[in-house]
Amino acid sequence: MAVLLSGSGRTLQNFLDCSAAGALKAEVVKVISSRGDAYGLVRAEKAGVPTAVVRRKDFPDTESFSDAVTAQIDACEADLVALAGFMCFYLVPGRYINRVMNIHPALLPSFGGRGFYGERVHEAVLEHGCKVSGCTVHFVDNVYDHGPIIVQKAVRVEEGDDAHSLAARVFEKELEAYPEAVNLFADGRLKLEGGVVRVLAAAPGQ
């Protein structure tokens, strides 16, 4: 799979660690960053994973930027693409629909969409007095934080939480949820019916 990121690469590192431990049924074959100074590139290089930088500001519009990202994905022949803190809007071409995943630090469809990222999400959860929060792995369509939900993990919002403490607990669930979703994809156990993902007990034909 190819991983798209813009920052520290904590989610990438989780993939790499899980893969090394035999807990991820996928291999990261390329890391594509929207920033040349993203620490995620350093993590990739330390692991011997090829990298590429595609900066949004180098392109006149979202379409040409997305085409350049897609060209990098095509070049490594990835079966799956994982967005891991990718802070640019990526237009998914038809041939990659239901092959691109994203993780969001809230229980979608709540607290998603344009402007909801990072600690802003957790601040909004707290401002609304929510009693639970969590994370969502979903297939990416061409709407912010939209697309069929694959895996969700919940955490309790504790008395005295701030955005930082809540984010830390949600991230612990992210470390579980994203590899789980990737493994389900690798096993052929995800089936889309009417825009809803059904998790099959076994892969078709087994």
Protein backbone atom coordinates (compact mmCIF):
# COMPACT_ATOMS: atom_id res chain seq x y z
CA MET A 1 0.00 0.00 0.00
CA ALA A 2 0.95 3.64 -0.43
CA VAL A 3 0.71 6.06 2.50
CA LEU A 4 -0.07 9.76 2.05
CA LEU A 5 0.97 12.13 4.83
CA SER A 6 1.83 15.72 5.64
CA GLY A 7 3.33 15.62 9.12
CA SER A 8 5.04 13.55 11.79
CA GLY A 9 4.09 10.16 10.43
CA ARG A 10 2.91 8.54 13.67
CA THR A 11 0.28 6.56 11.78
CA LEU A 12 2.87 5.51 9.21
CA GLN A 13 5.13 4.32 12.01
CA ASN A 14 2.28 2.25 13.38
CA PHE A 15 1.85 0.59 9.98
CA LEU A 16 5.58 -0.09 9.75
CA ASP A 17 5.72 -1.52 13.27
CA CYS A 18 2.65 -3.70 12.73
CA SER A 19 4.03 -4.94 9.42
CA ALA A 20 7.39 -5.81 10.99
CA ALA A 21 5.58 -7.71 13.75
CA GLY A 22 3.48 -9.67 11.26
CA ALA A 23 0.30 -7.97 12.46
CA LEU A 24 -0.41 -6.09 9.20
CA LYS A 25 -1.35 -7.95 6.03
CA ALA A 26 0.15 -5.26 3.85
CA GLU A 27 3.51 -3.77 2.96
CA VAL A 28 4.11 -0.04 2.70
CA VAL A 29 5.71 0.35 -0.73
CA LYS A 30 5.72 4.15 -0.97
CA VAL A 31 5.21 7.23 1.17
CA ILE A 32 3.97 10.40 -0.53
CA SER A 33 4.13 13.67 1.37
CA SER A 34 2.62 17.06 0.60
CA ARG A 35 5.51 18.69 2.51
CA GLY A 36 9.22 18.24 2.00
CA ASP A 37 9.93 18.77 5.70
CA ALA A 38 7.45 16.20 7.02
CA TYR A 39 9.07 13.93 9.60
CA GLY A 40 7.08 11.07 8.13
CA LEU A 41 9.59 11.10 5.24
CA VAL A 42 12.41 10.49 7.71
CA ARG A 43 10.51 7.56 9.21
CA ALA A 44 9.98 6.11 5.73
CA GLU A 45 13.62 6.52 4.74
CA LYS A 46 14.79 4.84 7.97
CA ALA A 47 12.55 1.89 7.09
CA GLY A 48 13.85 1.76 3.51
CA VAL A 49 10.53 2.79 2.00
CA PRO A 50 10.69 4.90 -1.20
CA THR A 51 9.33 8.43 -0.83
CA ALA A 52 8.02 11.24 -3.00
CA VAL A 53 7.03 14.85 -2.32
CA VAL A 54 4.08 16.40 -4.14
CA ARG A 55 3.46 19.93 -2.87
CA ARG A 56 0.03 21.48 -3.36
CA LYS A 57 1.52 24.93 -3.93
CA ASP A 58 3.38 23.65 -6.99
CA PHE A 59 0.09 23.10 -8.84
CA PRO A 60 -2.55 25.57 -10.03
CA ASP A 61 -5.57 23.56 -8.90
CA THR A 62 -6.75 20.50 -7.00
CA GLU A 63 -7.16 18.47 -10.18
CA SER A 64 -3.55 18.80 -11.35
CA PHE A 65 -2.24 18.24 -7.82
CA SER A 66 -4.35 15.10 -7.48
CA ASP A 67 -3.18 13.85 -10.87
CA ALA A 68 0.42 14.18 -9.70
CA VAL A 69 -0.34 12.24 -6.51
CA THR A 70 -2.13 9.55 -8.51
CA ALA A 71 0.86 9.24 -10.84
CA GLN A 72 3.05 8.45 -7.83
CA ILE A 73 0.55 5.84 -6.63
CA ASP A 74 0.34 4.31 -10.10
CA ALA A 75 4.13 4.07 -10.28
CA CYS A 76 4.32 1.83 -7.22
CA GLU A 77 1.28 -0.24 -8.27
CA ALA A 78 -0.33 0.03 -4.83
CA ASP A 79 -3.44 -2.03 -4.19
CA LEU A 80 -4.51 0.25 -1.34
CA VAL A 81 -3.88 3.88 -0.40
CA ALA A 82 -3.96 5.03 3.22
CA LEU A 83 -4.33 8.71 4.08
CA ALA A 84 -2.41 9.29 7.30
CA GLY A 85 -2.64 12.93 8.26
CA PHE A 86 -2.66 14.11 4.64
CA MET A 87 -3.64 17.76 4.91
CA CYS A 88 -4.48 18.38 1.25
CA PHE A 89 -7.68 17.52 -0.58
CA TYR A 90 -7.08 14.58 -2.91
CA LEU A 91 -9.51 13.86 -5.72
CA VAL A 92 -9.75 10.09 -5.98
CA PRO A 93 -9.93 8.85 -9.58
CA GLY A 94 -12.55 6.28 -10.50
CA ARG A 95 -10.12 3.36 -10.59
CA TYR A 96 -9.14 3.99 -6.96
CA ILE A 97 -12.62 4.37 -5.50
CA ASN A 98 -12.96 1.93 -2.57
CA ARG A 99 -9.18 1.52 -2.56
CA VAL A 100 -8.39 4.71 -0.61
CA MET A 101 -8.89 4.85 3.16
CA ASN A 102 -8.72 7.66 5.67
CA ILE A 103 -8.86 7.81 9.46
CA HIS A 104 -10.65 10.62 11.28
CA PRO A 105 -10.36 11.35 15.04
CA ALA A 106 -14.11 11.38 15.72
CA LEU A 107 -17.14 9.17 15.25
CA LEU A 108 -18.29 10.20 11.80
CA PRO A 109 -20.59 11.60 10.57
CA SER A 110 -20.25 13.83 13.66
CA PHE A 111 -17.43 16.37 13.80
CA GLY A 112 -16.21 15.85 10.27
CA GLY A 113 -15.87 17.96 7.16
CA ARG A 114 -13.84 20.95 6.10
CA GLY A 115 -12.02 22.58 9.02
CA PHE A 116 -12.39 19.60 11.36
CA TYR A 117 -8.87 18.27 11.83
CA GLY A 118 -6.35 17.80 14.62
CA GLU A 119 -7.24 19.21 18.01
CA ARG A 120 -10.08 21.25 16.50
CA VAL A 121 -12.07 18.02 16.37
CA HIS A 122 -11.52 17.24 20.05
CA GLU A 123 -12.25 20.82 21.09
CA ALA A 124 -15.59 20.62 19.28
CA VAL A 125 -16.42 17.29 20.95
CA LEU A 126 -15.76 18.82 24.36
CA GLU A 127 -17.67 22.02 23.57
CA HIS A 128 -20.73 19.92 22.73
CA GLY A 129 -20.52 17.97 25.96
CA CYS A 130 -20.25 14.61 24.22
CA LYS A 131 -19.95 11.60 26.51
CA VAL A 132 -18.16 9.43 23.95
CA SER A 133 -15.82 10.08 21.07
CA GLY A 134 -13.50 7.91 19.05
CA CYS A 135 -12.12 7.37 15.58
CA THR A 136 -13.44 6.28 12.19
CA VAL A 137 -11.74 4.53 9.28
CA HIS A 138 -13.65 5.03 6.05
CA PHE A 139 -13.28 4.71 2.32
CA VAL A 140 -12.57 8.08 0.72
CA ASP A 141 -14.92 9.59 -1.79
CA ASN A 142 -14.53 13.14 -3.03
CA VAL A 143 -16.23 14.85 -0.08
CA TYR A 144 -14.36 15.78 3.11
CA ASP A 145 -14.64 13.05 5.79
CA HIS A 146 -17.32 11.28 3.82
CA GLY A 147 -17.55 7.82 2.33
CA PRO A 148 -18.50 4.37 3.61
CA ILE A 149 -17.45 3.64 7.20
CA ILE A 150 -15.26 0.57 7.70
CA VAL A 151 -14.22 0.52 11.38
CA GLN A 152 -15.07 2.70 14.37
CA LYS A 153 -13.61 2.60 17.89
CA ALA A 154 -15.11 4.53 20.81
CA VAL A 155 -13.60 6.09 23.94
CA ARG A 156 -15.33 7.62 26.92
CA VAL A 157 -14.97 11.37 27.39
CA GLU A 158 -13.70 11.74 30.95
CA GLU A 159 -14.46 14.52 33.40
CA GLY A 160 -11.63 17.01 33.22
CA ASP A 161 -10.56 16.08 29.68
CA ASP A 162 -9.00 18.74 27.51
CA ALA A 163 -8.37 18.45 23.79
CA HIS A 164 -4.87 17.07 24.38
CA SER A 165 -5.86 14.30 26.79
CA LEU A 166 -8.84 13.27 24.68
CA ALA A 167 -6.71 13.25 21.53
CA ALA A 168 -4.20 10.94 23.20
CA ARG A 169 -6.85 8.37 24.10
CA VAL A 170 -8.46 8.56 20.68
CA PHE A 171 -5.06 8.05 19.03
CA GLU A 172 -4.57 4.84 21.00
CA LYS A 173 -7.75 3.57 19.34
CA GLU A 174 -6.52 4.78 15.95
CA LEU A 175 -3.50 2.51 16.36
CA GLU A 176 -5.92 -0.44 16.54
CA ALA A 177 -8.57 0.65 14.05
CA TYR A 178 -6.47 1.46 10.99
CA PRO A 179 -4.52 -1.83 10.84
CA GLU A 180 -7.79 -3.67 11.45
CA ALA A 181 -9.37 -1.96 8.44
CA VAL A 182 -6.32 -2.66 6.26
CA ASN A 183 -6.36 -6.33 7.24
CA LEU A 184 -10.07 -6.63 6.44
CA PHE A 185 -9.36 -5.15 3.00
CA ALA A 186 -6.41 -7.50 2.47
CA ASP A 187 -8.56 -10.48 3.41
CA GLY A 188 -11.29 -9.49 0.94
CA ARG A 189 -13.83 -9.17 3.74
CA LEU A 190 -15.21 -5.73 2.90
CA LYS A 191 -18.34 -5.66 0.75
CA LEU A 192 -20.17 -2.50 -0.25
CA GLU A 193 -23.95 -2.66 -0.36
CA GLY A 194 -25.87 0.52 -1.08
CA GLY A 195 -23.05 2.73 0.15
CA VAL A 196 -22.65 0.73 3.39
CA VAL A 197 -19.64 -1.46 4.15
CA ARG A 198 -20.51 -4.97 5.29
CA VAL A 199 -17.77 -6.94 7.02
CA LEU A 200 -17.93 -10.54 5.85
CA ALA A 201 -17.24 -13.41 8.24
CA ALA A 202 -14.88 -14.82 5.62
CA ALA A 203 -13.58 -13.80 2.23
CA PRO A 204 -15.78 -14.81 -0.75
CA GLY A 205 -15.07 -18.38 -1.79
CA GLN A 206 -13.67 -19.43 1.56
